């Protein structure tokens, strides 16, 4: 629950003129109100076009927190997301083990993460804050078994 409190604090301190900058990659139909919401196929007027593999519209280290709910057609560890994440910034990825992109992040070894300047802050069940803004599959349909969802929060060490 401590990680969730930190994430909620990030959300509460986000937005224009505030300290925290949050990027929600793959926002789909559920944008996060306090975040910069992007999707390869925007389905909502508050979601901008953005490709996790090419975030050239953003500066190096621009974001304090990057969120990827059920990544689709990109591996967060091999994407441009790490470039735009600040040192000491957090990347939270949610999904289930049927999602090969999520699975590759969740099952990454400490050595693989260390090579990317990442360490695990939290690994386990999905936290309530992500049920509020997630809860759908990549195609927008509801997730029928939320108990199958997991989450990993990584911290960029450098």
Protein backbone atom coordinates (compact mmCIF):
# COMPACT_ATOMS: atom_id res chain seq x y z
CA UNK A 1 0.00 0.00 0.00
CA UNK A 2 2.95 2.40 0.49
CA UNK A 3 3.73 2.27 -3.24
CA UNK A 4 0.09 3.05 -4.00
CA UNK A 5 0.22 6.07 -1.65
CA UNK A 6 3.31 7.31 -3.50
CA UNK A 7 1.60 6.85 -6.86
CA UNK A 8 -1.55 8.63 -5.65
CA UNK A 9 0.67 11.48 -4.39
CA UNK A 10 2.27 11.65 -7.85
CA UNK A 11 -1.21 11.87 -9.41
CA UNK A 12 -2.30 14.56 -6.94
CA UNK A 13 0.82 16.64 -7.65
CA UNK A 14 0.67 16.29 -11.42
CA UNK A 15 -0.32 18.67 -14.13
CA UNK A 16 0.53 22.08 -15.49
CA UNK A 17 2.49 24.17 -13.02
CA UNK A 18 2.88 21.31 -10.56
CA UNK A 19 5.91 19.23 -9.73
CA UNK A 20 5.10 15.81 -11.13
CA UNK A 21 4.89 15.07 -14.84
CA UNK A 22 3.11 11.79 -15.65
CA UNK A 23 3.01 10.08 -19.05
CA UNK A 24 0.26 7.52 -19.65
CA UNK A 25 1.31 5.37 -22.63
CA UNK A 26 -1.48 3.46 -24.36
CA UNK A 27 -4.23 5.50 -22.72
CA UNK A 28 -6.90 4.01 -24.98
CA UNK A 29 -10.36 5.02 -23.80
CA UNK A 30 -9.34 5.68 -20.18
CA UNK A 31 -7.09 8.72 -19.99
CA UNK A 32 -5.74 9.73 -16.59
CA UNK A 33 -6.90 13.30 -15.88
CA UNK A 34 -3.58 14.56 -14.47
CA UNK A 35 -1.34 12.90 -17.08
CA UNK A 36 -0.11 13.43 -20.60
CA UNK A 37 -2.14 10.70 -22.30
CA UNK A 38 -0.91 9.14 -25.55
CA UNK A 39 -1.92 6.20 -27.70
CA UNK A 40 -0.93 4.85 -31.11
CA UNK A 41 -4.66 4.99 -31.92
CA UNK A 42 -6.26 7.81 -29.87
CA UNK A 43 -9.92 7.09 -29.12
CA UNK A 44 -10.64 10.07 -26.90
CA UNK A 45 -10.30 13.82 -27.49
CA UNK A 46 -7.97 14.15 -24.47
CA UNK A 47 -5.59 11.47 -25.78
CA UNK A 48 -2.82 12.55 -28.17
CA UNK A 49 -1.12 10.42 -30.78
CA UNK A 50 2.05 8.86 -29.43
CA UNK A 51 4.17 5.81 -30.15
CA UNK A 52 6.02 4.22 -27.22
CA UNK A 53 8.85 3.33 -29.60
CA UNK A 54 9.29 6.92 -30.79
CA UNK A 55 8.63 9.59 -28.18
CA UNK A 56 10.69 12.22 -30.01
CA UNK A 57 8.12 14.88 -29.11
CA UNK A 58 9.37 14.65 -25.51
CA UNK A 59 12.70 15.61 -23.95
CA UNK A 60 15.15 13.29 -22.25
CA UNK A 61 14.13 12.84 -18.62
CA UNK A 62 10.90 14.83 -18.98
CA UNK A 63 8.63 12.56 -16.91
CA UNK A 64 8.58 11.67 -13.22
CA UNK A 65 6.25 8.71 -13.72
CA UNK A 66 5.34 6.67 -16.79
CA UNK A 67 2.36 4.35 -16.79
CA UNK A 68 1.68 1.52 -19.20
CA UNK A 69 -1.55 -0.41 -18.62
CA UNK A 70 -1.53 -3.66 -20.62
CA UNK A 71 1.19 -2.73 -23.15
CA UNK A 72 0.34 -3.75 -26.69
CA UNK A 73 2.85 -4.09 -29.56
CA UNK A 74 5.72 -2.61 -27.53
CA UNK A 75 7.99 -3.80 -24.77
CA UNK A 76 8.36 -1.00 -22.21
CA UNK A 77 11.95 -2.09 -21.52
CA UNK A 78 12.88 -1.79 -25.21
CA UNK A 79 10.85 1.33 -25.98
CA UNK A 80 11.65 5.05 -25.89
CA UNK A 81 9.93 5.28 -22.51
CA UNK A 82 13.20 4.84 -20.61
CA UNK A 83 14.75 7.83 -22.38
CA UNK A 84 11.97 10.22 -21.32
CA UNK A 85 11.90 8.93 -17.71
CA UNK A 86 13.82 11.09 -15.22
CA UNK A 87 16.52 9.62 -12.99
CA UNK A 88 14.70 8.44 -9.83
CA UNK A 89 11.51 8.41 -11.92
CA UNK A 90 9.07 5.52 -11.80
CA UNK A 91 7.62 3.33 -14.50
CA UNK A 92 4.53 1.32 -13.60
CA UNK A 93 3.42 -1.46 -15.93
CA UNK A 94 0.26 -3.50 -15.42
CA UNK A 95 -1.01 -6.55 -17.26
CA UNK A 96 -1.36 -10.30 -17.06
CA UNK A 97 0.89 -13.16 -18.03
CA UNK A 98 -1.00 -13.74 -21.28
CA UNK A 99 0.39 -10.39 -22.46
CA UNK A 100 3.91 -11.14 -23.74
CA UNK A 101 4.97 -7.49 -23.47
CA UNK A 102 3.93 -7.26 -19.83
CA UNK A 103 5.37 -10.69 -19.08
CA UNK A 104 8.81 -9.65 -20.39
CA UNK A 105 8.88 -6.73 -17.94
CA UNK A 106 7.44 -8.66 -14.99
CA UNK A 107 9.83 -11.58 -15.47
CA UNK A 108 12.96 -9.50 -16.15
CA UNK A 109 15.83 -10.53 -13.89
CA UNK A 110 17.44 -8.05 -11.51
CA UNK A 111 20.54 -8.21 -13.74
CA UNK A 112 18.53 -7.33 -16.86
CA UNK A 113 16.91 -4.42 -15.03
CA UNK A 114 20.21 -3.22 -13.59
CA UNK A 115 21.69 -3.12 -17.10
CA UNK A 116 18.90 -0.65 -17.96
CA UNK A 117 19.49 1.38 -14.76
CA UNK A 118 16.26 0.09 -13.22
CA UNK A 119 15.34 -1.53 -9.93
CA UNK A 120 12.09 -3.00 -8.65
CA UNK A 121 10.07 -0.92 -6.20
CA UNK A 122 6.91 -3.03 -6.23
CA UNK A 123 5.91 -6.32 -7.80
CA UNK A 124 2.60 -8.03 -7.14
CA UNK A 125 -1.14 -7.57 -7.52
CA UNK A 126 -2.62 -4.60 -9.31
CA UNK A 127 -3.26 -1.64 -7.04
CA UNK A 128 -6.60 0.14 -6.77
CA UNK A 129 -5.46 3.31 -8.54
CA UNK A 130 -4.84 1.32 -11.73
CA UNK A 131 -8.21 -0.38 -11.54
CA UNK A 132 -9.71 3.10 -11.74
CA UNK A 133 -7.83 4.05 -14.91
CA UNK A 134 -7.12 0.61 -16.34
CA UNK A 135 -9.53 -2.26 -16.26
CA UNK A 136 -9.77 -2.67 -20.04
CA UNK A 137 -7.88 -4.73 -22.55
CA UNK A 138 -5.82 -3.10 -25.27
CA UNK A 139 -8.82 -3.28 -27.61
CA UNK A 140 -11.01 -1.42 -25.08
CA UNK A 141 -13.08 -4.40 -23.95
CA UNK A 142 -13.39 -5.07 -20.20
CA UNK A 143 -10.95 -7.37 -18.43
CA UNK A 144 -13.11 -10.20 -17.15
CA UNK A 145 -10.73 -11.50 -14.50
CA UNK A 146 -9.06 -8.60 -12.69
CA UNK A 147 -7.51 -11.03 -10.21
CA UNK A 148 -5.27 -12.19 -13.07
CA UNK A 149 -3.78 -8.69 -13.35
CA UNK A 150 -0.36 -7.89 -11.90
CA UNK A 151 1.76 -4.79 -11.59
CA UNK A 152 5.41 -3.91 -11.46
CA UNK A 153 6.79 -0.50 -10.54
CA UNK A 154 10.39 0.18 -11.49
CA UNK A 155 12.65 3.07 -10.47
CA UNK A 156 15.26 4.50 -12.81
CA UNK A 157 18.52 4.63 -10.88
CA UNK A 158 20.54 6.84 -13.22
